[in-house]
């Protein structure tokens, strides 16, 4: 049995889970998320806990068991607490500012880089160097953070660019270190 799949999902007090056929709907204080899951996998709610069940020990069912459980767990966490990714901008003259629903960044290019923030994600700029991406969908938060980081990834020689706060950049020596 899948170690991930057999673990129960604890449901916070204000979160409700509804299943209609293959559609799973999770409602909570921060919003609503839905998921189309495989028709063979089912959900059971008992004592403020959610269990994911599979019909057999076949390879495909074992694969889906842990996957669906992780996706539903992320939905429950998202509608109750939300997700956040923090980014840091490193470099002389590099900065970011929020102009309405657009994030404008000065990253050493000849022009500022503008990114239109999606409606389901919020972006906050702290002291022109810190960016916080928040939302209820873990995949969307990670995707938006990766797109922002992709405008100027950290480079290994000077360490400048946009990086995740918990990311370590392996620094390299330049040409003069090769002697």
C-alpha atoms as a PDB file:
ATOM      1  CA  UNK A   1       0.000   0.000   0.000  1.00  0.00           C
ATOM      2  CA  UNK A   2       1.180   3.507  -0.732  1.00  0.00           C
ATOM      3  CA  UNK A   3       2.711   5.177   2.319  1.00  0.00           C
ATOM      4  CA  UNK A   4       1.507   8.583   1.163  1.00  0.00           C
ATOM      5  CA  UNK A   5      -1.898   7.393  -0.021  1.00  0.00           C
ATOM      6  CA  UNK A   6      -2.892   5.602   3.172  1.00  0.00           C
ATOM      7  CA  UNK A   7      -2.279   8.632   5.414  1.00  0.00           C
ATOM      8  CA  UNK A   8      -5.456  10.421   6.488  1.00  0.00           C
ATOM      9  CA  UNK A   9      -5.953  14.105   5.622  1.00  0.00           C
ATOM     10  CA  UNK A  10      -6.984  16.169   8.651  1.00  0.00           C
ATOM     11  CA  UNK A  11      -9.819  18.553   7.761  1.00  0.00           C
ATOM     12  CA  UNK A  12      -9.677  21.942   9.525  1.00  0.00           C
ATOM     13  CA  UNK A  13     -12.972  23.106  11.097  1.00  0.00           C
ATOM     14  CA  UNK A  14     -14.106  25.510   8.337  1.00  0.00           C
ATOM     15  CA  UNK A  15     -13.135  23.317   5.367  1.00  0.00           C
ATOM     16  CA  UNK A  16     -15.671  21.127   3.580  1.00  0.00           C
ATOM     17  CA  UNK A  17     -15.027  18.550   0.856  1.00  0.00           C
ATOM     18  CA  UNK A  18     -17.704  17.494  -1.648  1.00  0.00           C
ATOM     19  CA  UNK A  19     -17.382  14.801  -4.300  1.00  0.00           C
ATOM     20  CA  UNK A  20     -19.701  14.604  -7.311  1.00  0.00           C
ATOM     21  CA  UNK A  21     -18.625  11.737  -9.522  1.00  0.00           C
ATOM     22  CA  UNK A  22     -15.003  12.426 -10.406  1.00  0.00           C
ATOM     23  CA  UNK A  23     -15.182  16.107  -9.393  1.00  0.00           C
ATOM     24  CA  UNK A  24     -13.815  17.038  -5.936  1.00  0.00           C
ATOM     25  CA  UNK A  25     -14.726  20.482  -4.577  1.00  0.00           C
ATOM     26  CA  UNK A  26     -12.907  21.873  -1.522  1.00  0.00           C
ATOM     27  CA  UNK A  27     -14.322  25.020   0.136  1.00  0.00           C
ATOM     28  CA  UNK A  28     -12.627  26.970   2.871  1.00  0.00           C
ATOM     29  CA  UNK A  29     -12.199  30.456   4.310  1.00  0.00           C
ATOM     30  CA  UNK A  30      -9.710  31.519   1.591  1.00  0.00           C
ATOM     31  CA  UNK A  31     -11.655  30.242  -1.432  1.00  0.00           C
ATOM     32  CA  UNK A  32     -12.722  27.221  -3.442  1.00  0.00           C
ATOM     33  CA  UNK A  33     -10.662  24.719  -5.450  1.00  0.00           C
ATOM     34  CA  UNK A  34     -11.763  21.834  -7.642  1.00  0.00           C
ATOM     35  CA  UNK A  35     -10.070  18.739  -9.045  1.00  0.00           C
ATOM     36  CA  UNK A  36     -11.034  16.158 -11.672  1.00  0.00           C
ATOM     37  CA  UNK A  37      -9.676  12.912 -10.280  1.00  0.00           C
ATOM     38  CA  UNK A  38      -9.526   9.428 -11.768  1.00  0.00           C
ATOM     39  CA  UNK A  39     -12.890   7.587 -11.604  1.00  0.00           C
ATOM     40  CA  UNK A  40     -11.358   4.548  -9.853  1.00  0.00           C
ATOM     41  CA  UNK A  41     -10.166   6.544  -6.832  1.00  0.00           C
ATOM     42  CA  UNK A  42     -12.722   7.447  -4.142  1.00  0.00           C
ATOM     43  CA  UNK A  43     -12.793   9.656  -1.038  1.00  0.00           C
ATOM     44  CA  UNK A  44     -14.281   8.907   2.380  1.00  0.00           C
ATOM     45  CA  UNK A  45     -14.929  11.498   5.094  1.00  0.00           C
ATOM     46  CA  UNK A  46     -14.962  10.227   8.693  1.00  0.00           C
ATOM     47  CA  UNK A  47     -14.391  12.089  11.979  1.00  0.00           C
ATOM     48  CA  UNK A  48     -12.974  15.294  10.421  1.00  0.00           C
ATOM     49  CA  UNK A  49     -10.548  13.165   8.402  1.00  0.00           C
ATOM     50  CA  UNK A  50     -10.459  12.373   4.719  1.00  0.00           C
ATOM     51  CA  UNK A  51      -9.277   9.006   3.405  1.00  0.00           C
ATOM     52  CA  UNK A  52      -8.349   8.225  -0.205  1.00  0.00           C
ATOM     53  CA  UNK A  53      -9.302   4.711  -1.304  1.00  0.00           C
ATOM     54  CA  UNK A  54      -8.268   2.623  -4.332  1.00  0.00           C
ATOM     55  CA  UNK A  55     -10.046  -0.451  -5.732  1.00  0.00           C
ATOM     56  CA  UNK A  56      -7.056  -2.776  -6.244  1.00  0.00           C
ATOM     57  CA  UNK A  57      -3.297  -3.168  -5.836  1.00  0.00           C
ATOM     58  CA  UNK A  58      -2.668  -2.777  -9.568  1.00  0.00           C
ATOM     59  CA  UNK A  59       0.264  -0.621 -10.610  1.00  0.00           C
ATOM     60  CA  UNK A  60      -1.885   2.189 -12.042  1.00  0.00           C
ATOM     61  CA  UNK A  61      -4.089   2.329  -8.918  1.00  0.00           C
ATOM     62  CA  UNK A  62      -1.038   2.440  -6.638  1.00  0.00           C
ATOM     63  CA  UNK A  63       0.370   5.328  -8.693  1.00  0.00           C
ATOM     64  CA  UNK A  64      -2.868   7.291  -8.548  1.00  0.00           C
ATOM     65  CA  UNK A  65      -3.439   6.629  -4.843  1.00  0.00           C
ATOM     66  CA  UNK A  66      -0.557   8.760  -3.556  1.00  0.00           C
ATOM     67  CA  UNK A  67      -0.971  11.367  -6.295  1.00  0.00           C
ATOM     68  CA  UNK A  68      -4.631  12.058  -5.587  1.00  0.00           C
ATOM     69  CA  UNK A  69      -3.997  12.143  -1.844  1.00  0.00           C
ATOM     70  CA  UNK A  70      -1.219  14.731  -2.283  1.00  0.00           C
ATOM     71  CA  UNK A  71      -3.340  16.873  -4.610  1.00  0.00           C
ATOM     72  CA  UNK A  72      -6.313  16.856  -2.211  1.00  0.00           C
ATOM     73  CA  UNK A  73      -4.007  17.593   0.750  1.00  0.00           C
ATOM     74  CA  UNK A  74      -2.609  20.622  -1.109  1.00  0.00           C
ATOM     75  CA  UNK A  75      -6.155  21.800  -1.865  1.00  0.00           C
ATOM     76  CA  UNK A  76      -7.167  21.533   1.819  1.00  0.00           C
ATOM     77  CA  UNK A  77      -4.031  23.385   2.928  1.00  0.00           C
ATOM     78  CA  UNK A  78      -4.548  26.048   0.253  1.00  0.00           C
ATOM     79  CA  UNK A  79      -8.138  26.931   1.151  1.00  0.00           C
ATOM     80  CA  UNK A  80      -7.359  26.976   4.878  1.00  0.00           C
ATOM     81  CA  UNK A  81      -3.863  28.532   5.142  1.00  0.00           C
ATOM     82  CA  UNK A  82      -2.713  29.338   1.596  1.00  0.00           C
ATOM     83  CA  UNK A  83       0.743  29.063   0.070  1.00  0.00           C
ATOM     84  CA  UNK A  84       3.594  31.561  -0.251  1.00  0.00           C
ATOM     85  CA  UNK A  85       6.873  31.666  -2.171  1.00  0.00           C
ATOM     86  CA  UNK A  86       9.397  34.369  -1.319  1.00  0.00           C
ATOM     87  CA  UNK A  87      11.906  35.724  -3.818  1.00  0.00           C
ATOM     88  CA  UNK A  88      14.895  38.011  -3.298  1.00  0.00           C
ATOM     89  CA  UNK A  89      16.484  40.306  -5.888  1.00  0.00           C
ATOM     90  CA  UNK A  90      20.288  40.599  -5.619  1.00  0.00           C
ATOM     91  CA  UNK A  91      22.340  43.114  -7.583  1.00  0.00           C
ATOM     92  CA  UNK A  92      23.310  46.765  -7.755  1.00  0.00           C
ATOM     93  CA  UNK A  93      20.402  48.786  -9.108  1.00  0.00           C
ATOM     94  CA  UNK A  94      18.088  45.775  -9.286  1.00  0.00           C
ATOM     95  CA  UNK A  95      14.645  46.487  -7.826  1.00  0.00           C
ATOM     96  CA  UNK A  96      10.955  45.741  -8.187  1.00  0.00           C
ATOM     97  CA  UNK A  97       7.757  47.695  -7.744  1.00  0.00           C
ATOM     98  CA  UNK A  98       4.075  46.942  -8.078  1.00  0.00           C
ATOM     99  CA  UNK A  99       2.046  49.187 -10.388  1.00  0.00           C
ATOM    100  CA  UNK A 100      -1.585  48.121 -10.159  1.00  0.00           C
ATOM    101  CA  UNK A 101      -1.705  44.462 -11.270  1.00  0.00           C
ATOM    102  CA  UNK A 102       1.696  44.646 -12.988  1.00  0.00           C
ATOM    103  CA  UNK A 103       5.072  43.867 -11.450  1.00  0.00           C
ATOM    104  CA  UNK A 104       7.791  46.104 -12.918  1.00  0.00           C
ATOM    105  CA  UNK A 105      11.388  45.063 -12.329  1.00  0.00           C
ATOM    106  CA  UNK A 106      14.636  46.821 -13.112  1.00  0.00           C
ATOM    107  CA  UNK A 107      17.114  43.966 -13.684  1.00  0.00           C
ATOM    108  CA  UNK A 108      20.073  45.517 -15.467  1.00  0.00           C
ATOM    109  CA  UNK A 109      18.559  45.319 -18.936  1.00  0.00           C
ATOM    110  CA  UNK A 110      18.163  48.361 -21.192  1.00  0.00           C
ATOM    111  CA  UNK A 111      14.447  48.439 -20.325  1.00  0.00           C
ATOM    112  CA  UNK A 112      12.328  47.531 -17.289  1.00  0.00           C
ATOM    113  CA  UNK A 113      10.721  44.084 -17.292  1.00  0.00           C
ATOM    114  CA  UNK A 114       6.935  44.091 -16.736  1.00  0.00           C
ATOM    115  CA  UNK A 115       4.943  41.033 -15.657  1.00  0.00           C
ATOM    116  CA  UNK A 116       1.135  41.016 -15.529  1.00  0.00           C
ATOM    117  CA  UNK A 117       0.166  39.236 -12.298  1.00  0.00           C
ATOM    118  CA  UNK A 118      -2.644  36.640 -12.750  1.00  0.00           C
ATOM    119  CA  UNK A 119      -5.929  37.223 -10.910  1.00  0.00           C
ATOM    120  CA  UNK A 120      -5.737  34.078  -8.757  1.00  0.00           C
ATOM    121  CA  UNK A 121      -2.332  35.017  -7.275  1.00  0.00           C
ATOM    122  CA  UNK A 122      -1.290  38.054  -5.240  1.00  0.00           C
ATOM    123  CA  UNK A 123       2.179  39.556  -5.381  1.00  0.00           C
ATOM    124  CA  UNK A 124       3.617  41.828  -2.717  1.00  0.00           C
ATOM    125  CA  UNK A 125       6.877  43.777  -2.974  1.00  0.00           C
ATOM    126  CA  UNK A 126       8.842  44.346   0.238  1.00  0.00           C
ATOM    127  CA  UNK A 127      11.538  47.059   0.331  1.00  0.00           C
ATOM    128  CA  UNK A 128      12.133  46.890  -3.480  1.00  0.00           C
ATOM    129  CA  UNK A 129      14.200  43.688  -3.163  1.00  0.00           C
ATOM    130  CA  UNK A 130      11.788  41.145  -1.714  1.00  0.00           C
ATOM    131  CA  UNK A 131       8.847  39.654  -3.595  1.00  0.00           C
ATOM    132  CA  UNK A 132       6.179  37.489  -1.957  1.00  0.00           C
ATOM    133  CA  UNK A 133       3.875  35.414  -4.185  1.00  0.00           C
ATOM    134  CA  UNK A 134       0.714  34.174  -2.397  1.00  0.00           C
ATOM    135  CA  UNK A 135      -2.331  32.140  -3.393  1.00  0.00           C
ATOM    136  CA  UNK A 136      -4.495  29.129  -2.610  1.00  0.00           C
ATOM    137  CA  UNK A 137      -3.339  26.911  -5.489  1.00  0.00           C
ATOM    138  CA  UNK A 138       0.155  25.515  -4.811  1.00  0.00           C
ATOM    139  CA  UNK A 139       0.875  24.844  -8.482  1.00  0.00           C
ATOM    140  CA  UNK A 140      -0.084  28.394  -9.574  1.00  0.00           C
ATOM    141  CA  UNK A 141       1.979  30.021  -6.805  1.00  0.00           C
ATOM    142  CA  UNK A 142       5.036  27.952  -7.769  1.00  0.00           C
ATOM    143  CA  UNK A 143       4.525  28.630 -11.478  1.00  0.00           C
ATOM    144  CA  UNK A 144       4.233  32.414 -11.030  1.00  0.00           C
ATOM    145  CA  UNK A 145       7.314  32.446  -8.771  1.00  0.00           C
ATOM    146  CA  UNK A 146       9.266  30.411 -11.353  1.00  0.00           C
ATOM    147  CA  UNK A 147       8.252  32.776 -14.176  1.00  0.00           C
ATOM    148  CA  UNK A 148       9.369  35.817 -12.136  1.00  0.00           C
ATOM    149  CA  UNK A 149      12.663  34.087 -11.258  1.00  0.00           C
ATOM    150  CA  UNK A 150      13.136  33.199 -14.936  1.00  0.00           C
ATOM    151  CA  UNK A 151      13.445  36.855 -15.965  1.00  0.00           C
ATOM    152  CA  UNK A 152      16.922  37.012 -14.370  1.00  0.00           C
ATOM    153  CA  UNK A 153      18.031  33.696 -12.804  1.00  0.00           C
ATOM    154  CA  UNK A 154      20.908  33.920 -10.312  1.00  0.00           C
ATOM    155  CA  UNK A 155      24.288  33.598 -11.954  1.00  0.00           C
ATOM    156  CA  UNK A 156      27.121  31.711 -10.225  1.00  0.00           C
ATOM    157  CA  UNK A 157      29.953  34.250 -10.579  1.00  0.00           C
ATOM    158  CA  UNK A 158      28.577  37.354  -8.887  1.00  0.00           C
ATOM    159  CA  UNK A 159      25.391  35.861  -7.421  1.00  0.00           C
ATOM    160  CA  UNK A 160      23.176  38.532  -8.956  1.00  0.00           C
ATOM    161  CA  UNK A 161      19.640  37.878 -10.155  1.00  0.00           C
ATOM    162  CA  UNK A 162      16.348  36.735  -8.681  1.00  0.00           C
ATOM    163  CA  UNK A 163      16.478  33.755  -6.329  1.00  0.00           C
ATOM    164  CA  UNK A 164      14.193  32.001  -3.880  1.00  0.00           C
ATOM    165  CA  UNK A 165      14.833  33.100  -0.283  1.00  0.00           C
ATOM    166  CA  UNK A 166      15.803  29.571   0.811  1.00  0.00           C
ATOM    167  CA  UNK A 167      17.876  28.868  -2.328  1.00  0.00           C
ATOM    168  CA  UNK A 168      21.665  28.544  -2.091  1.00  0.00           C
ATOM    169  CA  UNK A 169      23.686  29.578  -5.128  1.00  0.00           C
ATOM    170  CA  UNK A 170      26.911  27.641  -5.684  1.00  0.00           C
ATOM    171  CA  UNK A 171      29.455  30.327  -6.387  1.00  0.00           C
ATOM    172  CA  UNK A 172      32.255  29.793  -8.922  1.00  0.00           C
ATOM    173  CA  UNK A 173      35.624  31.427  -9.186  1.00  0.00           C
ATOM    174  CA  UNK A 174      36.273  33.570 -12.197  1.00  0.00           C
ATOM    175  CA  UNK A 175      39.068  33.273 -14.754  1.00  0.00           C
ATOM    176  CA  UNK A 176      41.684  34.535 -12.318  1.00  0.00           C
ATOM    177  CA  UNK A 177      41.001  31.567  -9.981  1.00  0.00           C
ATOM    178  CA  UNK A 178      42.154  29.045 -12.604  1.00  0.00           C
ATOM    179  CA  UNK A 179      45.874  29.873 -12.279  1.00  0.00           C
END
